[in-house]
Amino acid sequence: MVAGVVKAGRFAPLLVLAILVCTLAAAVEHFVPADAGLTINRAMAVNAAKVRTGTSEYPRTAVDSDSFVVHVARPARRIVSQYWSIDEYVYSVVSPERVVAVSESAYLANISNVSREVQKFHPAIATDPERVLRLDPDLLLVSNGSRADFCALVRSTQIPIYRVFTTFTTLAQVAETIRLTGYLTGQDQAATDEVNRFWSEIQRAKDHRRPGAKSPRVLGFSGHSSYGTETLFDDIVRALGGVNVGAEAGLKGYDAINTEQIVHWNPEWIISGADHGKATQVLATLLADPAIAVTQAARDGHILVFDFNVFLPTSPFTTLLVNAMAEAIYD
C-alpha cells in the first residue's frame, strides 16, 4: 500500500471520494517547423486556445493561450511560476536555484510535491507584480486563469510571460506540457528525460494489470461531483484498463452528482483525497453515508483515500496517482 493512502477494510461499509485530477483542455504541441515560422501541429481541446512553438534556435518564439506571441531570447536563468501545477512542471526540468518565485501552494507540503526544494531555496511568492519585477526575471509562466492586469503589466516591461493551460484532459497533454516547459526555459534535454520517465511510470502502472483481467468500474467522487468524459481522471482510468463510472453514466467534464446516483451506478472502486493525516477521517465520513455504504466498493473494501499531494497533481507528478491506483486495484 502506498504511503499516504487509507483503504477501507474489506466488508467495511462505504465509499470514498473522487479524484481531483483535473479537467481541462490544452494539449500543448511542441512542433519545430522547417521554415522557422509558427505552425500548428494539431487542434487544442474544446474551447482551448491554440498553442504553438517555433524553432529550437534562439530567439525562440511561442504563442500562448491568449494568442500572444512570446519571444524568449536565451535559456532562462531567473524563472517565475505563478500557479501550483506549473511549479511542478518547472521544478521537473529546471535546477531549483533558477526558480526565483513560485505560487503560495508550493510551500505547502500537504499538496505540493516540490515543497522540499522550495523550502531549501526560499523563492518569493509570485503574487505582487512589483515584487516579482524587482526579482529581475527573464521568464514568467502563469496559468490561463491568471489576472489579466498582471499579465498586461509584465508584457509592458518586455519580460517574456507565457500563459499556460493548466487543467488537462489526457496524460498526453501533461507530457506535452513538460516538453513546452523545457522549450520555454531552454531545458529541452531535461524535458525529454522527464517525458521518458513520465511514460515509463505510466507503463509500469499499466503492467500491474494481468492480461485478460476484468475491467474494474471506478468512480472518482470529489465533494458532490464526479468526473465524466474529457477529464484527466477519465484518461487515467482508461489507461489502467478500467471503466470510468462517471463517463459510463453520461457525465461530461466535472459535474455535480448525488449519492443516490452512486447507489444506482454501484461502482466497484471509489477514489478520493484528503489532507495529510485526515484520510481516516475522510474515509469514516464517506462510510457514514448510507447510500455509499451499500455499494459494491464499500462491501469489498475498495475505497481509497489518497493524500492530496498524490490525489491532486495535474503535472509530471500525476504518475504518483496512476501508480497508486494501479497497485491498489490490481495487486
Protein backbone atom coordinates (compact mmCIF):
# COMPACT_ATOMS: atom_id res chain seq x y z
CA MET A 1 0.00 0.00 0.00
CA VAL A 2 1.34 3.42 -0.97
CA ALA A 3 2.22 5.74 1.91
CA GLY A 4 -0.41 8.38 2.49
CA VAL A 5 -3.27 6.16 1.42
CA VAL A 6 -6.12 4.84 3.52
CA LYS A 7 -8.13 1.91 2.19
CA ALA A 8 -11.48 0.81 3.56
CA GLY A 9 -11.29 -2.59 5.23
CA ARG A 10 -12.94 -5.47 3.47
CA PHE A 11 -16.70 -5.55 4.19
CA ALA A 12 -16.48 -2.14 5.90
CA PRO A 13 -19.42 -0.03 4.85
CA LEU A 14 -18.51 2.56 2.36
CA LEU A 15 -17.21 4.58 -0.33
CA VAL A 16 -14.85 7.45 -0.73
CA LEU A 17 -14.45 10.40 -2.82
CA ALA A 18 -13.11 11.22 -6.08
CA ILE A 19 -10.05 12.31 -7.65
CA LEU A 20 -9.14 15.87 -8.07
CA VAL A 21 -7.21 15.11 -11.11
CA CYS A 22 -8.03 17.85 -13.35
CA THR A 23 -10.26 18.63 -16.18
CA LEU A 24 -9.17 20.65 -18.99
CA ALA A 25 -8.22 21.27 -22.38
CA ALA A 26 -4.86 22.33 -23.50
CA ALA A 27 -2.65 19.98 -25.27
CA VAL A 28 0.45 21.99 -25.75
CA GLU A 29 2.04 20.84 -29.00
CA HIS A 30 5.78 21.18 -29.39
CA PHE A 31 6.44 21.45 -33.11
CA VAL A 32 9.59 22.71 -34.82
CA PRO A 33 8.79 23.77 -38.40
CA ALA A 34 11.42 23.62 -41.10
CA ASP A 35 10.76 27.20 -42.24
CA ALA A 36 11.13 28.79 -38.77
CA GLY A 37 7.56 30.02 -38.97
CA LEU A 38 4.90 29.31 -36.38
CA THR A 39 2.72 26.36 -37.29
CA ILE A 40 0.15 24.24 -35.56
CA ASN A 41 0.60 20.53 -35.16
CA ARG A 42 -2.96 19.76 -34.12
CA ALA A 43 -6.04 21.42 -32.70
CA MET A 44 -6.27 22.02 -28.98
CA ALA A 45 -9.06 20.55 -26.88
CA VAL A 46 -12.50 22.09 -26.97
CA ASN A 47 -12.56 25.80 -26.08
CA ALA A 48 -8.80 25.89 -25.57
CA ALA A 49 -6.59 28.38 -27.37
CA LYS A 50 -4.13 27.06 -29.90
CA VAL A 51 -0.58 26.89 -28.57
CA ARG A 52 2.32 26.94 -31.00
CA THR A 53 6.09 26.94 -30.80
CA GLY A 54 8.75 27.85 -33.32
CA THR A 55 12.23 26.50 -33.99
CA SER A 56 14.74 25.35 -31.42
CA GLU A 57 17.05 28.20 -32.41
CA TYR A 58 17.25 31.36 -30.32
CA PRO A 59 15.45 33.66 -30.08
CA ARG A 60 12.61 31.17 -29.57
CA THR A 61 9.00 32.06 -30.25
CA ALA A 62 5.76 30.60 -28.91
CA VAL A 63 2.10 31.59 -28.97
CA ASP A 64 0.40 31.35 -25.59
CA SER A 65 -3.20 30.62 -24.59
CA ASP A 66 -4.13 34.28 -25.17
CA SER A 67 -2.64 34.16 -28.67
CA PHE A 68 0.15 36.49 -27.60
CA VAL A 69 3.44 35.87 -29.39
CA VAL A 70 6.09 35.30 -26.71
CA HIS A 71 9.76 35.78 -27.60
CA VAL A 72 12.46 34.12 -25.48
CA ALA A 73 15.93 35.47 -26.22
CA ARG A 74 18.01 32.87 -24.37
CA PRO A 75 17.75 29.95 -21.90
CA ALA A 76 16.02 31.24 -18.78
CA ARG A 77 18.10 31.85 -15.67
CA ARG A 78 15.52 33.53 -13.42
CA ILE A 79 12.11 31.90 -13.71
CA VAL A 80 8.82 32.82 -12.09
CA SER A 81 5.97 30.31 -11.72
CA GLN A 82 2.65 31.70 -10.54
CA TYR A 83 0.48 28.58 -10.38
CA TRP A 84 0.69 25.40 -8.29
CA SER A 85 0.79 22.87 -11.12
CA ILE A 86 3.23 25.00 -13.12
CA ASP A 87 5.54 24.92 -10.10
CA GLU A 88 5.77 21.15 -10.50
CA TYR A 89 6.45 21.35 -14.24
CA VAL A 90 9.22 23.89 -13.74
CA TYR A 91 10.97 22.02 -10.94
CA SER A 92 10.79 18.83 -13.00
CA VAL A 93 13.04 20.27 -15.72
CA VAL A 94 14.89 23.26 -14.21
CA SER A 95 17.54 23.49 -11.48
CA PRO A 96 15.76 24.76 -8.35
CA GLU A 97 18.15 27.68 -7.84
CA ARG A 98 16.89 29.18 -11.11
CA VAL A 99 13.32 29.49 -9.81
CA VAL A 100 13.03 32.91 -8.18
CA ALA A 101 9.28 32.95 -7.44
CA VAL A 102 6.51 30.37 -7.06
CA SER A 103 2.86 30.10 -6.10
CA GLU A 104 1.85 30.17 -2.45
CA SER A 105 0.88 26.49 -2.75
CA ALA A 106 4.48 25.50 -3.48
CA TYR A 107 5.30 25.99 0.21
CA LEU A 108 2.50 23.67 1.36
CA ALA A 109 3.90 20.16 1.83
CA ASN A 110 0.34 18.93 2.10
CA ILE A 111 -0.32 19.44 -1.61
CA SER A 112 2.99 20.33 -3.24
CA ASN A 113 5.46 17.75 -4.49
CA VAL A 114 8.23 20.35 -4.77
CA SER A 115 7.94 21.87 -1.30
CA ARG A 116 11.27 20.38 -0.21
CA GLU A 117 13.16 22.23 -2.94
CA VAL A 118 11.12 25.35 -2.30
CA GLN A 119 11.89 25.29 1.42
CA LYS A 120 15.59 24.87 0.63
CA PHE A 121 15.92 27.81 -1.77
CA HIS A 122 13.09 30.06 -0.48
CA PRO A 123 11.86 31.66 -3.72
CA ALA A 124 9.49 34.59 -3.41
CA ILE A 125 5.71 34.28 -3.63
CA ALA A 126 4.63 35.37 -7.11
CA THR A 127 1.54 37.40 -6.23
CA ASP A 128 2.68 41.03 -6.07
CA PRO A 129 3.62 42.32 -9.58
CA GLU A 130 6.07 44.92 -8.26
CA ARG A 131 7.85 42.41 -6.07
CA VAL A 132 8.07 39.93 -8.94
CA LEU A 133 9.51 42.52 -11.31
CA ARG A 134 12.11 43.57 -8.73
CA LEU A 135 13.43 39.99 -8.92
CA ASP A 136 14.58 40.75 -12.48
CA PRO A 137 13.06 37.57 -14.00
CA ASP A 138 13.71 36.58 -17.59
CA LEU A 139 10.63 34.32 -17.92
CA LEU A 140 7.23 34.17 -16.23
CA LEU A 141 4.94 31.15 -16.54
CA VAL A 142 1.37 31.76 -15.41
CA SER A 143 -1.92 29.90 -15.81
CA ASN A 144 -4.57 30.81 -18.35
CA GLY A 145 -6.69 31.85 -15.36
CA SER A 146 -4.16 34.39 -14.07
CA ARG A 147 -5.07 38.07 -13.68
CA ALA A 148 -5.16 39.92 -16.99
CA ASP A 149 -3.85 43.14 -15.41
CA PHE A 150 -0.80 41.30 -14.04
CA CYS A 151 -0.03 39.85 -17.47
CA ALA A 152 -0.51 43.23 -19.18
CA LEU A 153 1.86 44.91 -16.72
CA VAL A 154 4.57 42.30 -17.30
CA ARG A 155 4.17 42.48 -21.07
CA SER A 156 4.65 46.25 -20.91
CA THR A 157 8.13 45.63 -19.47
CA GLN A 158 9.08 43.34 -22.38
CA ILE A 159 9.74 40.44 -19.99
CA PRO A 160 8.51 37.18 -21.59
CA ILE A 161 5.30 35.98 -19.92
CA TYR A 162 3.57 32.83 -21.14
CA ARG A 163 0.03 31.82 -20.10
CA VAL A 164 -0.20 28.02 -19.93
CA PHE A 165 -3.37 25.94 -19.87
CA THR A 166 -3.26 24.24 -16.51
CA THR A 167 -6.13 21.75 -16.49
CA PHE A 168 -5.76 18.75 -18.73
CA THR A 169 -7.94 16.04 -20.17
CA THR A 170 -5.27 13.49 -21.13
CA LEU A 171 -1.95 12.16 -19.95
CA ALA A 172 -0.56 13.07 -23.37
CA GLN A 173 -1.31 16.73 -22.65
CA VAL A 174 0.67 16.50 -19.43
CA ALA A 175 3.63 15.08 -21.37
CA GLU A 176 3.39 17.82 -23.99
CA THR A 177 3.32 20.49 -21.29
CA ILE A 178 6.55 19.04 -19.91
CA ARG A 179 8.05 19.48 -23.38
CA LEU A 180 6.67 23.01 -23.61
CA THR A 181 8.22 23.89 -20.24
CA GLY A 182 11.56 22.62 -21.49
CA TYR A 183 11.21 24.61 -24.69
CA LEU A 184 10.39 27.87 -22.92
CA THR A 185 13.11 27.50 -20.28
CA GLY A 186 15.77 26.16 -22.64
CA GLN A 187 15.92 22.82 -20.85
CA ASP A 188 14.97 20.62 -23.80
CA GLN A 189 17.03 17.58 -22.84
CA ALA A 190 15.83 17.67 -19.24
CA ALA A 191 12.25 17.85 -20.53
CA THR A 192 12.85 14.91 -22.87
CA ASP A 193 14.26 12.90 -19.97
CA GLU A 194 11.26 13.82 -17.81
CA VAL A 195 8.80 12.86 -20.55
CA ASN A 196 10.53 9.49 -20.88
CA ARG A 197 10.32 9.00 -17.11
CA PHE A 198 6.66 10.01 -17.15
CA TRP A 199 5.69 7.47 -19.82
CA SER A 200 7.85 4.79 -18.22
CA GLU A 201 5.93 5.26 -14.95
CA ILE A 202 2.60 5.12 -16.78
CA GLN A 203 3.66 1.88 -18.46
CA ARG A 204 4.79 0.46 -15.13
CA ALA A 205 1.34 1.18 -13.75
CA LYS A 206 -0.34 -0.46 -16.74
CA ASP A 207 1.79 -3.57 -16.27
CA HIS A 208 0.09 -4.25 -12.91
CA ARG A 209 -2.98 -5.42 -14.85
CA ARG A 210 -2.71 -9.03 -15.87
CA PRO A 211 -3.70 -9.95 -19.45
CA GLY A 212 -7.39 -10.75 -19.66
CA ALA A 213 -8.18 -9.22 -16.27
CA LYS A 214 -11.69 -7.88 -15.80
CA SER A 215 -12.05 -4.13 -16.29
CA PRO A 216 -12.75 -2.53 -12.88
CA ARG A 217 -15.52 0.07 -12.66
CA VAL A 218 -14.02 3.11 -10.91
CA LEU A 219 -15.73 6.24 -9.61
CA GLY A 220 -13.97 9.49 -8.87
CA PHE A 221 -16.03 11.38 -6.28
CA SER A 222 -14.93 14.81 -5.01
CA GLY A 223 -17.21 16.81 -2.76
CA HIS A 224 -20.53 16.44 -4.53
CA SER A 225 -19.12 15.96 -8.01
CA SER A 226 -17.63 13.30 -10.24
CA TYR A 227 -15.60 13.02 -13.43
CA GLY A 228 -17.01 12.20 -16.84
CA THR A 229 -15.50 12.22 -20.30
CA GLU A 230 -12.99 14.94 -21.19
CA THR A 231 -11.27 14.76 -17.79
CA LEU A 232 -7.82 13.61 -16.81
CA PHE A 233 -9.38 11.17 -14.38
CA ASP A 234 -11.22 9.51 -17.25
CA ASP A 235 -8.00 9.14 -19.22
CA ILE A 236 -6.19 7.67 -16.21
CA VAL A 237 -8.89 5.07 -15.58
CA ARG A 238 -8.95 4.07 -19.26
CA ALA A 239 -5.15 3.90 -19.38
CA LEU A 240 -5.30 1.42 -16.50
CA GLY A 241 -7.81 -0.73 -18.33
CA GLY A 242 -10.78 0.32 -16.22
CA VAL A 243 -14.20 1.86 -16.79
CA ASN A 244 -14.83 5.38 -15.52
CA VAL A 245 -18.26 5.09 -13.92
CA GLY A 246 -18.99 8.79 -14.32
CA ALA A 247 -18.31 8.67 -18.06
CA GLU A 248 -20.27 5.41 -18.33
CA ALA A 249 -23.24 7.26 -16.81
CA GLY A 250 -23.03 10.04 -19.39
CA LEU A 251 -21.21 12.74 -17.42
CA LYS A 252 -19.06 15.16 -19.38
CA GLY A 253 -16.35 17.07 -17.59
CA TYR A 254 -16.52 17.67 -13.86
CA ASP A 255 -20.18 17.53 -12.89
CA ALA A 256 -22.35 17.50 -9.75
CA ILE A 257 -23.94 14.23 -8.65
CA ASN A 258 -25.76 12.93 -5.57
CA THR A 259 -25.22 9.78 -3.56
CA GLU A 260 -28.48 8.29 -4.85
CA GLN A 261 -26.90 8.22 -8.29
CA ILE A 262 -23.88 6.44 -6.84
CA VAL A 263 -26.17 3.71 -5.47
CA HIS A 264 -27.63 3.24 -8.95
CA TRP A 265 -24.21 3.17 -10.62
CA ASN A 266 -22.80 0.80 -7.96
CA PRO A 267 -19.06 1.30 -8.59
CA GLU A 268 -16.53 -1.38 -7.71
CA TRP A 269 -13.93 1.19 -6.64
CA ILE A 270 -14.16 4.73 -5.26
CA ILE A 271 -11.17 7.10 -5.17
CA SER A 272 -10.76 10.28 -3.09
CA GLY A 273 -8.30 12.63 -1.44
CA ALA A 274 -7.64 14.22 1.93
CA ASP A 275 -5.28 16.48 3.81
CA HIS A 276 -2.25 14.70 5.22
CA GLY A 277 -3.30 12.88 8.38
CA LYS A 278 -7.01 13.26 7.58
CA ALA A 279 -7.52 10.26 5.31
CA THR A 280 -9.01 8.08 8.05
CA GLN A 281 -11.42 10.85 8.98
CA VAL A 282 -12.50 11.36 5.37
CA LEU A 283 -12.98 7.64 4.93
CA ALA A 284 -15.14 7.46 8.05
CA THR A 285 -17.30 10.31 6.79
CA LEU A 286 -17.85 8.56 3.49
CA LEU A 287 -18.63 5.26 5.16
CA ALA A 288 -21.22 7.01 7.30
CA ASP A 289 -23.28 7.85 4.21
CA PRO A 290 -25.98 5.12 3.93
CA ALA A 291 -26.09 5.41 0.14
CA ILE A 292 -22.37 4.86 -0.24
CA ALA A 293 -22.33 2.06 2.31
CA VAL A 294 -24.43 -0.25 0.11
CA THR A 295 -22.21 -0.01 -2.97
CA GLN A 296 -20.04 -2.90 -4.08
CA ALA A 297 -16.99 -0.67 -3.48
CA ALA A 298 -17.94 -0.38 0.19
CA ARG A 299 -18.80 -4.05 0.60
CA ASP A 300 -15.48 -5.15 -0.92
CA GLY A 301 -13.37 -2.59 0.91
CA HIS A 302 -12.45 -0.89 -2.34
CA ILE A 303 -12.46 2.69 -1.10
CA LEU A 304 -9.18 4.57 -1.38
CA VAL A 305 -8.34 7.93 0.16
CA PHE A 306 -5.04 9.37 -1.03
CA ASP A 307 -3.13 12.27 0.46
CA PHE A 308 -3.71 15.38 -1.62
CA ASN A 309 -0.13 15.53 -2.90
CA VAL A 310 -0.88 12.17 -4.58
CA PHE A 311 -4.52 12.80 -5.39
CA LEU A 312 -4.36 16.32 -6.84
CA PRO A 313 -1.40 16.73 -9.22
CA THR A 314 -2.01 17.68 -12.84
CA SER A 315 1.68 17.67 -13.60
CA PRO A 316 4.56 15.21 -14.02
CA PHE A 317 3.60 14.03 -10.51
CA THR A 318 0.31 12.66 -11.81
CA THR A 319 2.26 9.41 -12.03
CA LEU A 320 2.01 9.15 -8.24
CA LEU A 321 -1.75 8.71 -8.51
CA VAL A 322 -1.62 6.45 -11.56
CA ASN A 323 0.78 4.05 -9.88
CA ALA A 324 -1.02 4.16 -6.53
CA MET A 325 -4.34 3.31 -8.19
CA ALA A 326 -2.80 0.51 -10.23
CA GLU A 327 -1.14 -1.07 -7.21
CA ALA A 328 -4.31 -0.91 -5.13
CA ILE A 329 -6.63 -2.23 -7.81
CA TYR A 330 -4.52 -4.95 -9.39
CA ASP A 331 -2.03 -6.19 -6.75
